[in-house]
Amino acid sequence: MQLRDLSSFMPSFIDVVDVLLVAFIIYHIYNLIRGTIAANILVGLLILYALSFVVDKLHMQLLSRILGYFTSGGIVIIVVVFQQEIRRFLLLAGKNASLQRNKAWWQYFFGKAEAEKNNYARIKPIIDACKSFKQTRTGALIVFAKYYDEQFYQNSCELMEAKISKRLLESIFQKNSPLHDGAVVIADNKIKSASCILPLTDKQDLPAQFGLRHRAGIGVTEANEATAIIVSEETGEISYAKQGRVKMNISFVELEKLLNKDF
């Protein structure tokens, strides 16, 4: 009889899977909001719910009713406040599965070496341009969008639809160019647009030397399925942003590896 009672408390395989899935979702949500204003807002909401629970247990009717107006609309508040984070989470959930399958078929039929050779030919003008930017300390922001959202990018950009080349990138970011103040967006192996004004990140734990260019580069990778190369105008240092995180002072060997992987 005692063994039977103990067995009723043993978790089943479905229970274990359930807990692991919830832990996986919480982990990714934490990664999405870590270091942003959204994390502070989430803490504020949790405090509000905890206070509402305590007030309700103490039978403080007036305060309980006031807090109840906030807690009863919790789902709506979460959707409104965390709409950017929810968008990023959904983008990660469906992260280019079809593109990965197409890449696998390409490598199966044409060979991995051939695919890497073609990819290097695409990224070489970008790497060469970054070398020039570093040498001349020219500020630059190059965004690689996996999905070119016309509504998001075209509102503040000059449309180009141009072939990627070192000289074109150099002329865009040249200090006297009318297009240098903004970002270049690359998608589908073309320079889609230039002089783009991008949303800034809400992160509060960024290095003090990061200016608007770095904040815009990080911000666009938070809001969209994109990566970004940021070249500092003051130091010539090259940074690489992806999913709201940034790698600072990377070498050209590292840059080539990152572009081979993501572009």
C-alpha atoms as a PDB file:
ATOM      1  CA  MET A   1       0.000   0.000   0.000  1.00  0.00           C
ATOM      2  CA  GLN A   2       2.837   2.376   0.884  1.00  0.00           C
ATOM      3  CA  LEU A   3       4.693   1.600  -2.374  1.00  0.00           C
ATOM      4  CA  ARG A   4       1.537   2.345  -4.334  1.00  0.00           C
ATOM      5  CA  ASP A   5       1.211   5.749  -2.638  1.00  0.00           C
ATOM      6  CA  LEU A   6       4.834   6.591  -3.417  1.00  0.00           C
ATOM      7  CA  SER A   7       4.446   5.617  -7.071  1.00  0.00           C
ATOM      8  CA  SER A   8       1.636   8.139  -7.472  1.00  0.00           C
ATOM      9  CA  PHE A   9       4.139  10.917  -6.733  1.00  0.00           C
ATOM     10  CA  MET A  10       6.715   9.700  -9.295  1.00  0.00           C
ATOM     11  CA  PRO A  11       6.836  12.008 -12.319  1.00  0.00           C
ATOM     12  CA  SER A  12       5.922  10.477 -15.659  1.00  0.00           C
ATOM     13  CA  PHE A  13       7.883  10.927 -18.891  1.00  0.00           C
ATOM     14  CA  ILE A  14       5.342  13.543 -20.059  1.00  0.00           C
ATOM     15  CA  ASP A  15       5.806  15.487 -16.806  1.00  0.00           C
ATOM     16  CA  VAL A  16       9.587  15.581 -17.326  1.00  0.00           C
ATOM     17  CA  VAL A  17       9.170  16.757 -20.932  1.00  0.00           C
ATOM     18  CA  ASP A  18       6.673  19.385 -19.752  1.00  0.00           C
ATOM     19  CA  VAL A  19       9.108  20.783 -17.180  1.00  0.00           C
ATOM     20  CA  LEU A  20      12.003  20.784 -19.682  1.00  0.00           C
ATOM     21  CA  LEU A  21       9.942  22.652 -22.289  1.00  0.00           C
ATOM     22  CA  VAL A  22       8.874  25.294 -19.763  1.00  0.00           C
ATOM     23  CA  ALA A  23      12.498  25.680 -18.617  1.00  0.00           C
ATOM     24  CA  PHE A  24      13.606  26.030 -22.268  1.00  0.00           C
ATOM     25  CA  ILE A  25      11.024  28.764 -22.941  1.00  0.00           C
ATOM     26  CA  ILE A  26      11.885  30.653 -19.739  1.00  0.00           C
ATOM     27  CA  TYR A  27      15.592  30.478 -20.588  1.00  0.00           C
ATOM     28  CA  HIS A  28      15.061  31.974 -24.048  1.00  0.00           C
ATOM     29  CA  ILE A  29      12.736  34.667 -22.686  1.00  0.00           C
ATOM     30  CA  TYR A  30      15.411  35.565 -20.139  1.00  0.00           C
ATOM     31  CA  ASN A  31      18.035  35.813 -22.913  1.00  0.00           C
ATOM     32  CA  LEU A  32      15.753  38.074 -24.954  1.00  0.00           C
ATOM     33  CA  ILE A  33      15.118  40.615 -22.179  1.00  0.00           C
ATOM     34  CA  ARG A  34      18.436  40.396 -20.312  1.00  0.00           C
ATOM     35  CA  GLY A  35      20.059  43.809 -19.971  1.00  0.00           C
ATOM     36  CA  THR A  36      17.066  45.682 -21.432  1.00  0.00           C
ATOM     37  CA  ILE A  37      14.412  47.957 -19.946  1.00  0.00           C
ATOM     38  CA  ALA A  38      11.968  45.075 -20.439  1.00  0.00           C
ATOM     39  CA  ALA A  39      13.721  43.192 -17.622  1.00  0.00           C
ATOM     40  CA  ASN A  40      13.013  46.060 -15.202  1.00  0.00           C
ATOM     41  CA  ILE A  41       9.396  46.204 -16.361  1.00  0.00           C
ATOM     42  CA  LEU A  42       9.027  42.456 -15.793  1.00  0.00           C
ATOM     43  CA  VAL A  43      10.388  42.800 -12.244  1.00  0.00           C
ATOM     44  CA  GLY A  44       7.891  45.626 -11.650  1.00  0.00           C
ATOM     45  CA  LEU A  45       5.004  43.455 -12.864  1.00  0.00           C
ATOM     46  CA  LEU A  46       6.092  40.559 -10.631  1.00  0.00           C
ATOM     47  CA  ILE A  47       6.252  42.900  -7.619  1.00  0.00           C
ATOM     48  CA  LEU A  48       2.787  44.188  -8.494  1.00  0.00           C
ATOM     49  CA  TYR A  49       1.366  40.651  -8.630  1.00  0.00           C
ATOM     50  CA  ALA A  50       3.083  39.698  -5.350  1.00  0.00           C
ATOM     51  CA  LEU A  51       1.723  42.826  -3.671  1.00  0.00           C
ATOM     52  CA  SER A  52      -1.750  42.043  -4.993  1.00  0.00           C
ATOM     53  CA  PHE A  53      -1.537  38.530  -3.511  1.00  0.00           C
ATOM     54  CA  VAL A  54      -0.461  39.837  -0.076  1.00  0.00           C
ATOM     55  CA  VAL A  55      -3.126  42.562  -0.044  1.00  0.00           C
ATOM     56  CA  ASP A  56      -5.797  40.014  -0.955  1.00  0.00           C
ATOM     57  CA  LYS A  57      -4.735  37.689   1.890  1.00  0.00           C
ATOM     58  CA  LEU A  58      -4.842  40.609   4.361  1.00  0.00           C
ATOM     59  CA  HIS A  59      -8.388  41.458   3.175  1.00  0.00           C
ATOM     60  CA  MET A  60      -7.485  45.057   2.327  1.00  0.00           C
ATOM     61  CA  GLN A  61     -10.490  45.533   0.085  1.00  0.00           C
ATOM     62  CA  LEU A  62      -9.879  48.998  -1.370  1.00  0.00           C
ATOM     63  CA  LEU A  63      -6.226  48.398  -2.312  1.00  0.00           C
ATOM     64  CA  SER A  64      -7.078  44.895  -3.476  1.00  0.00           C
ATOM     65  CA  ARG A  65      -9.722  46.259  -5.835  1.00  0.00           C
ATOM     66  CA  ILE A  66      -7.331  48.892  -7.255  1.00  0.00           C
ATOM     67  CA  LEU A  67      -4.560  46.336  -7.869  1.00  0.00           C
ATOM     68  CA  GLY A  68      -7.142  43.953  -9.302  1.00  0.00           C
ATOM     69  CA  TYR A  69      -7.727  46.323 -12.238  1.00  0.00           C
ATOM     70  CA  PHE A  70      -4.066  45.873 -13.211  1.00  0.00           C
ATOM     71  CA  THR A  71      -3.778  42.125 -12.586  1.00  0.00           C
ATOM     72  CA  SER A  72      -7.046  41.262 -14.364  1.00  0.00           C
ATOM     73  CA  GLY A  73      -5.648  42.675 -17.615  1.00  0.00           C
ATOM     74  CA  GLY A  74      -2.275  41.001 -17.200  1.00  0.00           C
ATOM     75  CA  ILE A  75      -2.224  39.321 -20.633  1.00  0.00           C
ATOM     76  CA  VAL A  76      -3.055  42.557 -22.447  1.00  0.00           C
ATOM     77  CA  ILE A  77      -0.389  44.449 -20.467  1.00  0.00           C
ATOM     78  CA  ILE A  78       2.234  41.800 -21.262  1.00  0.00           C
ATOM     79  CA  VAL A  79       1.408  41.832 -25.005  1.00  0.00           C
ATOM     80  CA  VAL A  80       1.538  45.647 -25.198  1.00  0.00           C
ATOM     81  CA  VAL A  81       4.688  46.115 -23.104  1.00  0.00           C
ATOM     82  CA  PHE A  82       6.649  43.172 -24.513  1.00  0.00           C
ATOM     83  CA  GLN A  83       5.552  43.278 -28.158  1.00  0.00           C
ATOM     84  CA  GLN A  84       9.138  43.606 -29.461  1.00  0.00           C
ATOM     85  CA  GLU A  85      10.352  40.729 -27.267  1.00  0.00           C
ATOM     86  CA  ILE A  86       7.398  38.545 -28.346  1.00  0.00           C
ATOM     87  CA  ARG A  87       8.205  39.317 -31.997  1.00  0.00           C
ATOM     88  CA  ARG A  88      11.848  38.333 -31.471  1.00  0.00           C
ATOM     89  CA  PHE A  89      10.839  35.131 -29.676  1.00  0.00           C
ATOM     90  CA  LEU A  90       8.529  34.093 -32.536  1.00  0.00           C
ATOM     91  CA  LEU A  91      11.273  34.871 -35.061  1.00  0.00           C
ATOM     92  CA  LEU A  92      13.665  32.626 -33.137  1.00  0.00           C
ATOM     93  CA  ALA A  93      11.036  29.888 -32.874  1.00  0.00           C
ATOM     94  CA  GLY A  94      10.677  29.683 -36.657  1.00  0.00           C
ATOM     95  CA  LYS A  95      14.298  30.464 -37.413  1.00  0.00           C
ATOM     96  CA  ASN A  96      14.830  29.890 -41.175  1.00  0.00           C
ATOM     97  CA  ALA A  97      14.125  26.123 -41.031  1.00  0.00           C
ATOM     98  CA  SER A  98      13.338  26.061 -44.754  1.00  0.00           C
ATOM     99  CA  LEU A  99      16.542  27.936 -45.602  1.00  0.00           C
ATOM    100  CA  GLN A 100      18.586  25.435 -43.615  1.00  0.00           C
ATOM    101  CA  ARG A 101      16.963  22.579 -45.565  1.00  0.00           C
ATOM    102  CA  ASN A 102      17.735  24.311 -48.868  1.00  0.00           C
ATOM    103  CA  LYS A 103      21.331  24.782 -47.754  1.00  0.00           C
ATOM    104  CA  ALA A 104      21.613  21.068 -46.945  1.00  0.00           C
ATOM    105  CA  TRP A 105      20.290  20.090 -50.389  1.00  0.00           C
ATOM    106  CA  TRP A 106      22.674  22.553 -52.077  1.00  0.00           C
ATOM    107  CA  GLN A 107      25.627  21.025 -50.295  1.00  0.00           C
ATOM    108  CA  TYR A 108      24.418  17.500 -51.097  1.00  0.00           C
ATOM    109  CA  PHE A 109      24.183  18.105 -54.837  1.00  0.00           C
ATOM    110  CA  PHE A 110      27.034  20.566 -55.421  1.00  0.00           C
ATOM    111  CA  GLY A 111      29.428  19.811 -52.576  1.00  0.00           C
ATOM    112  CA  LYS A 112      30.356  21.746 -49.495  1.00  0.00           C
ATOM    113  CA  ALA A 113      33.573  23.123 -50.987  1.00  0.00           C
ATOM    114  CA  GLU A 114      31.717  24.634 -53.948  1.00  0.00           C
ATOM    115  CA  ALA A 115      29.123  26.248 -51.671  1.00  0.00           C
ATOM    116  CA  GLU A 116      31.836  27.748 -49.442  1.00  0.00           C
ATOM    117  CA  LYS A 117      33.708  29.031 -52.504  1.00  0.00           C
ATOM    118  CA  ASN A 118      30.600  30.798 -53.800  1.00  0.00           C
ATOM    119  CA  ASN A 119      29.906  32.242 -50.362  1.00  0.00           C
ATOM    120  CA  TYR A 120      33.457  33.601 -50.044  1.00  0.00           C
ATOM    121  CA  ALA A 121      33.053  35.366 -53.400  1.00  0.00           C
ATOM    122  CA  ARG A 122      29.971  37.112 -51.947  1.00  0.00           C
ATOM    123  CA  ILE A 123      31.535  38.201 -48.669  1.00  0.00           C
ATOM    124  CA  LYS A 124      34.989  39.202 -50.020  1.00  0.00           C
ATOM    125  CA  PRO A 125      33.895  42.731 -51.135  1.00  0.00           C
ATOM    126  CA  ILE A 126      32.401  43.297 -47.671  1.00  0.00           C
ATOM    127  CA  ILE A 127      35.577  42.176 -45.880  1.00  0.00           C
ATOM    128  CA  ASP A 128      37.747  44.276 -48.188  1.00  0.00           C
ATOM    129  CA  ALA A 129      35.532  47.316 -47.540  1.00  0.00           C
ATOM    130  CA  CYS A 130      35.784  46.758 -43.774  1.00  0.00           C
ATOM    131  CA  LYS A 131      39.588  46.649 -44.066  1.00  0.00           C
ATOM    132  CA  SER A 132      39.476  50.017 -45.807  1.00  0.00           C
ATOM    133  CA  PHE A 133      37.087  51.426 -43.159  1.00  0.00           C
ATOM    134  CA  LYS A 134      39.379  50.266 -40.357  1.00  0.00           C
ATOM    135  CA  GLN A 135      42.460  51.765 -41.994  1.00  0.00           C
ATOM    136  CA  THR A 136      40.831  55.152 -42.651  1.00  0.00           C
ATOM    137  CA  ARG A 137      38.683  55.086 -39.482  1.00  0.00           C
ATOM    138  CA  THR A 138      35.497  55.495 -41.444  1.00  0.00           C
ATOM    139  CA  GLY A 139      32.311  54.826 -39.481  1.00  0.00           C
ATOM    140  CA  ALA A 140      30.040  52.226 -41.070  1.00  0.00           C
ATOM    141  CA  LEU A 141      26.973  50.146 -40.267  1.00  0.00           C
ATOM    142  CA  ILE A 142      26.170  47.191 -42.549  1.00  0.00           C
ATOM    143  CA  VAL A 143      23.060  45.125 -41.808  1.00  0.00           C
ATOM    144  CA  PHE A 144      22.470  41.628 -43.227  1.00  0.00           C
ATOM    145  CA  ALA A 145      18.741  40.928 -43.249  1.00  0.00           C
ATOM    146  CA  LYS A 146      17.646  37.332 -43.759  1.00  0.00           C
ATOM    147  CA  TYR A 147      14.139  38.561 -44.569  1.00  0.00           C
ATOM    148  CA  TYR A 148      13.889  42.016 -46.126  1.00  0.00           C
ATOM    149  CA  ASP A 149      10.886  43.609 -44.419  1.00  0.00           C
ATOM    150  CA  GLU A 150       9.971  46.417 -46.826  1.00  0.00           C
ATOM    151  CA  GLN A 151       7.661  48.116 -44.338  1.00  0.00           C
ATOM    152  CA  PHE A 152      10.387  48.154 -41.689  1.00  0.00           C
ATOM    153  CA  TYR A 153      13.362  49.278 -43.819  1.00  0.00           C
ATOM    154  CA  GLN A 154      11.945  51.382 -46.647  1.00  0.00           C
ATOM    155  CA  ASN A 155      10.279  54.028 -44.479  1.00  0.00           C
ATOM    156  CA  SER A 156      13.604  55.727 -43.741  1.00  0.00           C
ATOM    157  CA  CYS A 157      15.930  54.433 -46.470  1.00  0.00           C
ATOM    158  CA  GLU A 158      17.112  55.244 -49.955  1.00  0.00           C
ATOM    159  CA  LEU A 159      16.342  52.250 -52.188  1.00  0.00           C
ATOM    160  CA  MET A 160      19.255  50.935 -54.241  1.00  0.00           C
ATOM    161  CA  GLU A 161      18.935  47.299 -55.429  1.00  0.00           C
ATOM    162  CA  ALA A 162      22.649  47.301 -56.294  1.00  0.00           C
ATOM    163  CA  LYS A 163      25.334  44.654 -56.640  1.00  0.00           C
ATOM    164  CA  ILE A 164      27.640  44.362 -53.624  1.00  0.00           C
ATOM    165  CA  SER A 165      31.070  45.845 -54.281  1.00  0.00           C
ATOM    166  CA  LYS A 166      33.894  47.294 -52.217  1.00  0.00           C
ATOM    167  CA  ARG A 167      33.941  50.614 -54.087  1.00  0.00           C
ATOM    168  CA  LEU A 168      30.196  51.108 -53.729  1.00  0.00           C
ATOM    169  CA  LEU A 169      30.341  50.501 -49.973  1.00  0.00           C
ATOM    170  CA  GLU A 170      33.314  52.870 -49.679  1.00  0.00           C
ATOM    171  CA  SER A 171      31.501  55.590 -51.615  1.00  0.00           C
ATOM    172  CA  ILE A 172      28.346  55.209 -49.490  1.00  0.00           C
ATOM    173  CA  PHE A 173      30.177  55.585 -46.178  1.00  0.00           C
ATOM    174  CA  GLN A 174      32.627  58.224 -47.384  1.00  0.00           C
ATOM    175  CA  LYS A 175      32.298  61.183 -44.980  1.00  0.00           C
ATOM    176  CA  ASN A 176      31.066  63.629 -47.644  1.00  0.00           C
ATOM    177  CA  SER A 177      28.507  61.233 -49.099  1.00  0.00           C
ATOM    178  CA  PRO A 178      24.839  62.169 -48.541  1.00  0.00           C
ATOM    179  CA  LEU A 179      24.161  58.491 -47.728  1.00  0.00           C
ATOM    180  CA  HIS A 180      26.894  57.923 -45.134  1.00  0.00           C
ATOM    181  CA  ASP A 181      24.757  58.853 -42.105  1.00  0.00           C
ATOM    182  CA  GLY A 182      22.798  55.644 -41.651  1.00  0.00           C
ATOM    183  CA  ALA A 183      22.949  51.923 -42.352  1.00  0.00           C
ATOM    184  CA  VAL A 184      23.336  49.870 -45.503  1.00  0.00           C
ATOM    185  CA  VAL A 185      20.945  46.909 -45.642  1.00  0.00           C
ATOM    186  CA  ILE A 186      21.997  43.799 -47.571  1.00  0.00           C
ATOM    187  CA  ALA A 187      19.564  41.009 -48.431  1.00  0.00           C
ATOM    188  CA  ASP A 188      19.277  38.435 -51.212  1.00  0.00           C
ATOM    189  CA  ASN A 189      22.928  39.110 -52.131  1.00  0.00           C
ATOM    190  CA  LYS A 190      22.177  42.764 -53.009  1.00  0.00           C
ATOM    191  CA  ILE A 191      22.516  46.157 -51.389  1.00  0.00           C
ATOM    192  CA  LYS A 192      18.816  46.805 -50.941  1.00  0.00           C
ATOM    193  CA  SER A 193      18.965  50.235 -49.336  1.00  0.00           C
ATOM    194  CA  ALA A 194      21.256  52.825 -47.759  1.00  0.00           C
ATOM    195  CA  SER A 195      21.059  55.697 -45.286  1.00  0.00           C
ATOM    196  CA  CYS A 196      18.627  53.708 -43.137  1.00  0.00           C
ATOM    197  CA  ILE A 197      17.589  55.076 -39.740  1.00  0.00           C
ATOM    198  CA  LEU A 198      17.228  52.075 -37.431  1.00  0.00           C
ATOM    199  CA  PRO A 199      15.669  51.614 -33.976  1.00  0.00           C
ATOM    200  CA  LEU A 200      18.078  51.951 -31.050  1.00  0.00           C
ATOM    201  CA  THR A 201      18.502  49.217 -28.458  1.00  0.00           C
ATOM    202  CA  ASP A 202      17.059  49.653 -24.953  1.00  0.00           C
ATOM    203  CA  LYS A 203      20.004  47.848 -23.336  1.00  0.00           C
ATOM    204  CA  GLN A 204      21.459  49.692 -20.373  1.00  0.00           C
ATOM    205  CA  ASP A 205      24.643  47.662 -19.809  1.00  0.00           C
ATOM    206  CA  LEU A 206      26.510  48.655 -22.978  1.00  0.00           C
ATOM    207  CA  PRO A 207      30.078  50.057 -22.890  1.00  0.00           C
ATOM    208  CA  ALA A 208      30.310  53.828 -22.506  1.00  0.00           C
ATOM    209  CA  GLN A 209      32.085  54.233 -25.861  1.00  0.00           C
ATOM    210  CA  PHE A 210      29.111  52.862 -27.801  1.00  0.00           C
ATOM    211  CA  GLY A 211      27.392  55.642 -29.724  1.00  0.00           C
ATOM    212  CA  LEU A 212      24.255  55.759 -31.869  1.00  0.00           C
ATOM    213  CA  ARG A 213      25.824  53.616 -34.605  1.00  0.00           C
ATOM    214  CA  HIS A 214      26.487  50.729 -32.197  1.00  0.00           C
ATOM    215  CA  ARG A 215      23.102  51.100 -30.511  1.00  0.00           C
ATOM    216  CA  ALA A 216      21.354  51.041 -33.888  1.00  0.00           C
ATOM    217  CA  GLY A 217      23.332  47.970 -34.976  1.00  0.00           C
ATOM    218  CA  ILE A 218      22.341  46.097 -31.813  1.00  0.00           C
ATOM    219  CA  GLY A 219      18.753  47.386 -31.971  1.00  0.00           C
ATOM    220  CA  VAL A 220      18.090  46.112 -35.496  1.00  0.00           C
ATOM    221  CA  THR A 221      19.256  42.608 -34.523  1.00  0.00           C
ATOM    222  CA  GLU A 222      16.833  42.667 -31.592  1.00  0.00           C
ATOM    223  CA  ALA A 223      13.852  43.674 -33.721  1.00  0.00           C
ATOM    224  CA  ASN A 224      14.576  41.570 -36.825  1.00  0.00           C
ATOM    225  CA  GLU A 225      16.243  38.391 -38.020  1.00  0.00           C
ATOM    226  CA  ALA A 226      19.423  40.221 -38.943  1.00  0.00           C
ATOM    227  CA  THR A 227      23.107  40.608 -38.138  1.00  0.00           C
ATOM    228  CA  ALA A 228      25.191  43.783 -38.306  1.00  0.00           C
ATOM    229  CA  ILE A 229      28.788  44.908 -38.780  1.00  0.00           C
ATOM    230  CA  ILE A 230      29.635  48.136 -36.929  1.00  0.00           C
ATOM    231  CA  VAL A 231      32.861  50.041 -37.646  1.00  0.00           C
ATOM    232  CA  SER A 232      33.774  52.696 -35.084  1.00  0.00           C
ATOM    233  CA  GLU A 233      34.602  56.110 -36.508  1.00  0.00           C
ATOM    234  CA  GLU A 234      36.793  56.987 -33.491  1.00  0.00           C
ATOM    235  CA  THR A 235      38.920  53.824 -33.234  1.00  0.00           C
ATOM    236  CA  GLY A 236      38.320  51.834 -36.447  1.00  0.00           C
ATOM    237  CA  GLU A 237      37.334  48.870 -34.240  1.00  0.00           C
ATOM    238  CA  ILE A 238      34.998  46.346 -35.868  1.00  0.00           C
ATOM    239  CA  SER A 239      32.083  44.899 -33.895  1.00  0.00           C
ATOM    240  CA  TYR A 240      29.586  42.215 -34.893  1.00  0.00           C
ATOM    241  CA  ALA A 241      26.014  42.215 -33.568  1.00  0.00           C
ATOM    242  CA  LYS A 242      23.597  39.292 -33.584  1.00  0.00           C
ATOM    243  CA  GLN A 243      20.384  38.637 -31.612  1.00  0.00           C
ATOM    244  CA  GLY A 244      20.979  41.705 -29.474  1.00  0.00           C
ATOM    245  CA  ARG A 245      24.519  40.696 -28.490  1.00  0.00           C
ATOM    246  CA  VAL A 246      27.725  42.244 -29.763  1.00  0.00           C
ATOM    247  CA  LYS A 247      31.296  40.964 -30.229  1.00  0.00           C
ATOM    248  CA  MET A 248      33.805  43.775 -29.985  1.00  0.00           C
ATOM    249  CA  ASN A 249      37.153  44.308 -31.700  1.00  0.00           C
ATOM    250  CA  ILE A 250      36.972  41.224 -33.901  1.00  0.00           C
ATOM    251  CA  SER A 251      39.725  40.319 -36.383  1.00  0.00           C
ATOM    252  CA  PHE A 252      39.165  39.899 -40.113  1.00  0.00           C
ATOM    253  CA  VAL A 253      39.595  36.132 -39.724  1.00  0.00           C
ATOM    254  CA  GLU A 254      36.764  36.130 -37.159  1.00  0.00           C
ATOM    255  CA  LEU A 255      34.687  38.386 -39.402  1.00  0.00           C
ATOM    256  CA  GLU A 256      35.080  35.974 -42.313  1.00  0.00           C
ATOM    257  CA  LYS A 257      34.009  33.029 -40.138  1.00  0.00           C
ATOM    258  CA  LEU A 258      30.957  34.899 -38.830  1.00  0.00           C
ATOM    259  CA  LEU A 259      29.872  36.016 -42.291  1.00  0.00           C
ATOM    260  CA  ASN A 260      30.392  32.500 -43.690  1.00  0.00           C
ATOM    261  CA  LYS A 261      28.106  31.194 -40.973  1.00  0.00           C
ATOM    262  CA  ASP A 262      25.397  33.866 -41.049  1.00  0.00           C
ATOM    263  CA  PHE A 263      25.423  35.381 -44.543  1.00  0.00           C
END
